[in-house]
C-alpha atoms as a PDB file:
ATOM      1  CA  MET A   1     131.477 120.587   9.314  1.00  0.00           C
ATOM      2  CA  SER A   2     131.009 123.903   7.648  1.00  0.00           C
ATOM      3  CA  ARG A   3     128.456 123.955   4.595  1.00  0.00           C
ATOM      4  CA  LEU A   4     131.322 124.462   1.992  1.00  0.00           C
ATOM      5  CA  GLU A   5     132.874 121.330   3.322  1.00  0.00           C
ATOM      6  CA  THR A   6     129.562 119.972   3.109  1.00  0.00           C
ATOM      7  CA  ILE A   7     129.070 120.844  -0.915  1.00  0.00           C
ATOM      8  CA  LEU A   8     132.664 119.692  -1.670  1.00  0.00           C
ATOM      9  CA  SER A   9     131.848 116.349  -0.205  1.00  0.00           C
ATOM     10  CA  VAL A  10     128.660 115.862  -1.822  1.00  0.00           C
ATOM     11  CA  VAL A  11     130.110 116.838  -5.107  1.00  0.00           C
ATOM     12  CA  THR A  12     132.907 114.452  -4.769  1.00  0.00           C
ATOM     13  CA  THR A  13     130.740 111.748  -3.980  1.00  0.00           C
ATOM     14  CA  LEU A  14     128.825 112.651  -6.879  1.00  0.00           C
ATOM     15  CA  SER A  15     131.750 112.604  -9.265  1.00  0.00           C
ATOM     16  CA  ILE A  16     133.095 109.417  -8.153  1.00  0.00           C
ATOM     17  CA  LEU A  17     129.748 107.689  -8.539  1.00  0.00           C
ATOM     18  CA  PHE A  18     129.723 109.001 -12.170  1.00  0.00           C
ATOM     19  CA  ASN A  19     133.223 107.992 -13.077  1.00  0.00           C
ATOM     20  CA  ILE A  20     132.490 104.526 -11.737  1.00  0.00           C
ATOM     21  CA  GLY A  21     129.318 104.608 -13.732  1.00  0.00           C
ATOM     22  CA  VAL A  22     131.156 105.714 -16.976  1.00  0.00           C
ATOM     23  CA  PHE A  23     133.682 103.197 -16.308  1.00  0.00           C
ATOM     24  CA  ILE A  24     131.182 100.384 -16.058  1.00  0.00           C
ATOM     25  CA  TYR A  25     129.337 101.609 -19.192  1.00  0.00           C
ATOM     26  CA  ALA A  26     132.730 101.904 -21.286  1.00  0.00           C
ATOM     27  CA  ARG A  27     133.620  98.379 -20.298  1.00  0.00           C
ATOM     28  CA  ALA A  28     130.556  97.046 -21.540  1.00  0.00           C
ATOM     29  CA  VAL A  29     130.480  98.645 -24.933  1.00  0.00           C
ATOM     30  CA  VAL A  30     133.999  97.528 -25.358  1.00  0.00           C
ATOM     31  CA  THR A  31     133.005  93.903 -24.793  1.00  0.00           C
ATOM     32  CA  ARG A  32     130.159  94.177 -26.792  1.00  0.00           C
ATOM     33  CA  LEU A  33     132.338  95.943 -29.849  1.00  0.00           C
ATOM     34  CA  LEU A  34     134.886  93.060 -29.625  1.00  0.00           C
ATOM     35  CA  PHE A  35     132.288  90.218 -29.909  1.00  0.00           C
ATOM     36  CA  VAL A  36     130.711  92.059 -32.766  1.00  0.00           C
ATOM     37  CA  SER A  37     134.071  92.293 -34.266  1.00  0.00           C
ATOM     38  CA  GLU A  38     134.830  88.645 -33.757  1.00  0.00           C
ATOM     39  CA  GLU A  39     131.468  87.773 -35.223  1.00  0.00           C
ATOM     40  CA  LEU A  40     132.143  89.725 -38.296  1.00  0.00           C
ATOM     41  CA  GLY A  41     135.433  88.161 -38.870  1.00  0.00           C
ATOM     42  CA  ASP A  42     133.605  84.769 -38.838  1.00  0.00           C
ATOM     43  CA  LEU A  43     130.964  85.935 -41.268  1.00  0.00           C
ATOM     44  CA  GLN A  44     133.710  87.376 -43.740  1.00  0.00           C
ATOM     45  CA  THR A  45     135.537  83.928 -43.415  1.00  0.00           C
ATOM     46  CA  MET A  46     132.240  81.920 -44.091  1.00  0.00           C
ATOM     47  CA  ILE A  47     131.206  84.458 -47.094  1.00  0.00           C
ATOM     48  CA  ASP A  48     134.901  84.066 -48.479  1.00  0.00           C
ATOM     49  CA  GLY A  49     134.771  80.320 -48.305  1.00  0.00           C
ATOM     50  CA  PHE A  50     131.141  79.877 -49.851  1.00  0.00           C
ATOM     51  CA  ALA A  51     132.314  82.518 -52.918  1.00  0.00           C
ATOM     52  CA  LYS A  52     135.334  80.121 -53.304  1.00  0.00           C
ATOM     53  CA  HIS A  53     133.208  77.164 -53.099  1.00  0.00           C
ATOM     54  CA  LEU A  54     130.485  78.560 -55.559  1.00  0.00           C
ATOM     55  CA  GLN A  55     133.050  79.260 -57.965  1.00  0.00           C
ATOM     56  CA  SER A  56     134.533  76.106 -57.767  1.00  0.00           C
ATOM     57  CA  VAL A  57     131.024  74.653 -58.900  1.00  0.00           C
ATOM     58  CA  TYR A  58     130.479  77.273 -61.294  1.00  0.00           C
ATOM     59  CA  GLU A  59     133.790  75.858 -62.940  1.00  0.00           C
ATOM     60  CA  LEU A  60     132.697  72.543 -63.059  1.00  0.00           C
ATOM     61  CA  GLU A  61     131.935  71.048 -66.572  1.00  0.00           C
ATOM     62  CA  ALA A  62     128.343  70.188 -65.781  1.00  0.00           C
ATOM     63  CA  PHE A  63     127.287  73.639 -64.700  1.00  0.00           C
ATOM     64  CA  TYR A  64     129.813  75.739 -66.773  1.00  0.00           C
ATOM     65  CA  GLY A  65     127.848  78.708 -68.153  1.00  0.00           C
ATOM     66  CA  ASP A  66     124.810  78.174 -66.339  1.00  0.00           C
ATOM     67  CA  GLU A  67     123.117  81.598 -65.659  1.00  0.00           C
ATOM     68  CA  THR A  68     121.650  81.161 -62.223  1.00  0.00           C
ATOM     69  CA  LEU A  69     124.944  80.216 -60.986  1.00  0.00           C
ATOM     70  CA  LYS A  70     126.970  82.930 -62.546  1.00  0.00           C
ATOM     71  CA  HIS A  71     124.592  85.418 -60.972  1.00  0.00           C
ATOM     72  CA  LEU A  72     124.682  83.833 -57.526  1.00  0.00           C
ATOM     73  CA  LEU A  73     128.595  83.849 -57.967  1.00  0.00           C
ATOM     74  CA  MET A  74     128.266  87.509 -58.606  1.00  0.00           C
ATOM     75  CA  HIS A  75     125.990  88.324 -55.852  1.00  0.00           C
ATOM     76  CA  ALA A  76     128.248  86.478 -53.431  1.00  0.00           C
ATOM     77  CA  VAL A  77     131.590  88.359 -54.560  1.00  0.00           C
ATOM     78  CA  SER A  78     129.794  91.595 -54.278  1.00  0.00           C
ATOM     79  CA  PHE A  79     128.247  90.416 -50.771  1.00  0.00           C
ATOM     80  CA  ASN A  80     131.941  89.527 -49.808  1.00  0.00           C
ATOM     81  CA  GLU A  81     133.293  93.000 -51.185  1.00  0.00           C
ATOM     82  CA  GLN A  82     130.637  94.675 -49.285  1.00  0.00           C
ATOM     83  CA  LEU A  83     131.550  92.996 -45.951  1.00  0.00           C
ATOM     84  CA  GLU A  84     135.256  94.049 -46.608  1.00  0.00           C
ATOM     85  CA  THR A  85     134.111  97.578 -45.762  1.00  0.00           C
ATOM     86  CA  PHE A  86     133.618  96.406 -42.094  1.00  0.00           C
ATOM     87  CA  GLU A  87     137.486  95.267 -41.908  1.00  0.00           C
ATOM     88  CA  ALA A  88     138.371  97.852 -39.691  1.00  0.00           C
ATOM     89  CA  ILE A  89     135.843  96.468 -37.137  1.00  0.00           C
ATOM     90  CA  TYR A  90     136.384  92.861 -37.446  1.00  0.00           C
ATOM     91  CA  SER A  91     140.451  93.279 -37.595  1.00  0.00           C
ATOM     92  CA  LEU A  92     140.111  94.359 -33.826  1.00  0.00           C
ATOM     93  CA  THR A  93     140.190  90.628 -32.604  1.00  0.00           C
ATOM     94  CA  GLU A  94     142.687  89.645 -35.308  1.00  0.00           C
ATOM     95  CA  GLU A  95     146.299  89.481 -33.926  1.00  0.00           C
ATOM     96  CA  GLU A  96     148.987  91.353 -36.089  1.00  0.00           C
ATOM     97  CA  PRO A  97     152.197  89.600 -36.864  1.00  0.00           C
ATOM     98  CA  THR A  98     155.158  91.690 -34.563  1.00  0.00           C
ATOM     99  CA  THR A  99     158.434  90.798 -36.702  1.00  0.00           C
ATOM    100  CA  GLU A 100     158.694  90.843 -40.386  1.00  0.00           C
ATOM    101  CA  LYS A 101     159.467  87.171 -40.573  1.00  0.00           C
ATOM    102  CA  GLU A 102     156.072  86.420 -38.964  1.00  0.00           C
ATOM    103  CA  ALA A 103     154.347  88.541 -41.420  1.00  0.00           C
ATOM    104  CA  ILE A 104     155.715  86.669 -44.289  1.00  0.00           C
ATOM    105  CA  ASP A 105     154.748  83.206 -42.561  1.00  0.00           C
ATOM    106  CA  VAL A 106     151.377  84.520 -42.046  1.00  0.00           C
ATOM    107  CA  GLU A 107     150.832  85.869 -45.821  1.00  0.00           C
ATOM    108  CA  ASP A 108     152.362  82.928 -47.705  1.00  0.00           C
ATOM    109  CA  PRO A 109     154.389  80.200 -46.023  1.00  0.00           C
ATOM    110  CA  ASP A 110     155.786  79.054 -49.223  1.00  0.00           C
ATOM    111  CA  GLN A 111     157.391  82.524 -49.933  1.00  0.00           C
ATOM    112  CA  ALA A 112     159.504  81.972 -46.435  1.00  0.00           C
ATOM    113  CA  GLU A 113     163.176  81.997 -47.356  1.00  0.00           C
ATOM    114  CA  ALA A 114     164.791  78.552 -47.228  1.00  0.00           C
ATOM    115  CA  PRO A 115     167.669  77.873 -44.958  1.00  0.00           C
ATOM    116  CA  PRO A 116     171.109  77.909 -46.433  1.00  0.00           C
ATOM    117  CA  PRO A 117     172.297  74.743 -47.733  1.00  0.00           C
ATOM    118  CA  ALA A 118     174.646  72.879 -45.022  1.00  0.00           C
ATOM    119  CA  GLN A 119     178.284  73.172 -45.834  1.00  0.00           C
ATOM    120  CA  VAL A 120     180.408  70.138 -45.631  1.00  0.00           C
END
């Protein structure tokens, strides 16, 4: 083997090893990103549910006008809005409707068109 062939073989081997390493690293990073995305989506759902529950408690006659609950509600809503800034991340794992009909069904099932009346 000539000197040039040896150098090319070494460079090719190093290039292949480097590409394999980059592939493994990129796969691990994408896996972690998808995990974080799913967890952020779950956290968003939990915070939204908490804010709605707190709103319903605040609206009860026994607690209506309570300043502590009012500030807690404002804080929960503010936290929920701040978490929505990460929507681009946690929407990575959400499935998007493929057709316009499915989009209507997902958004509000009551808005879907009723089937035409049967003709006799």
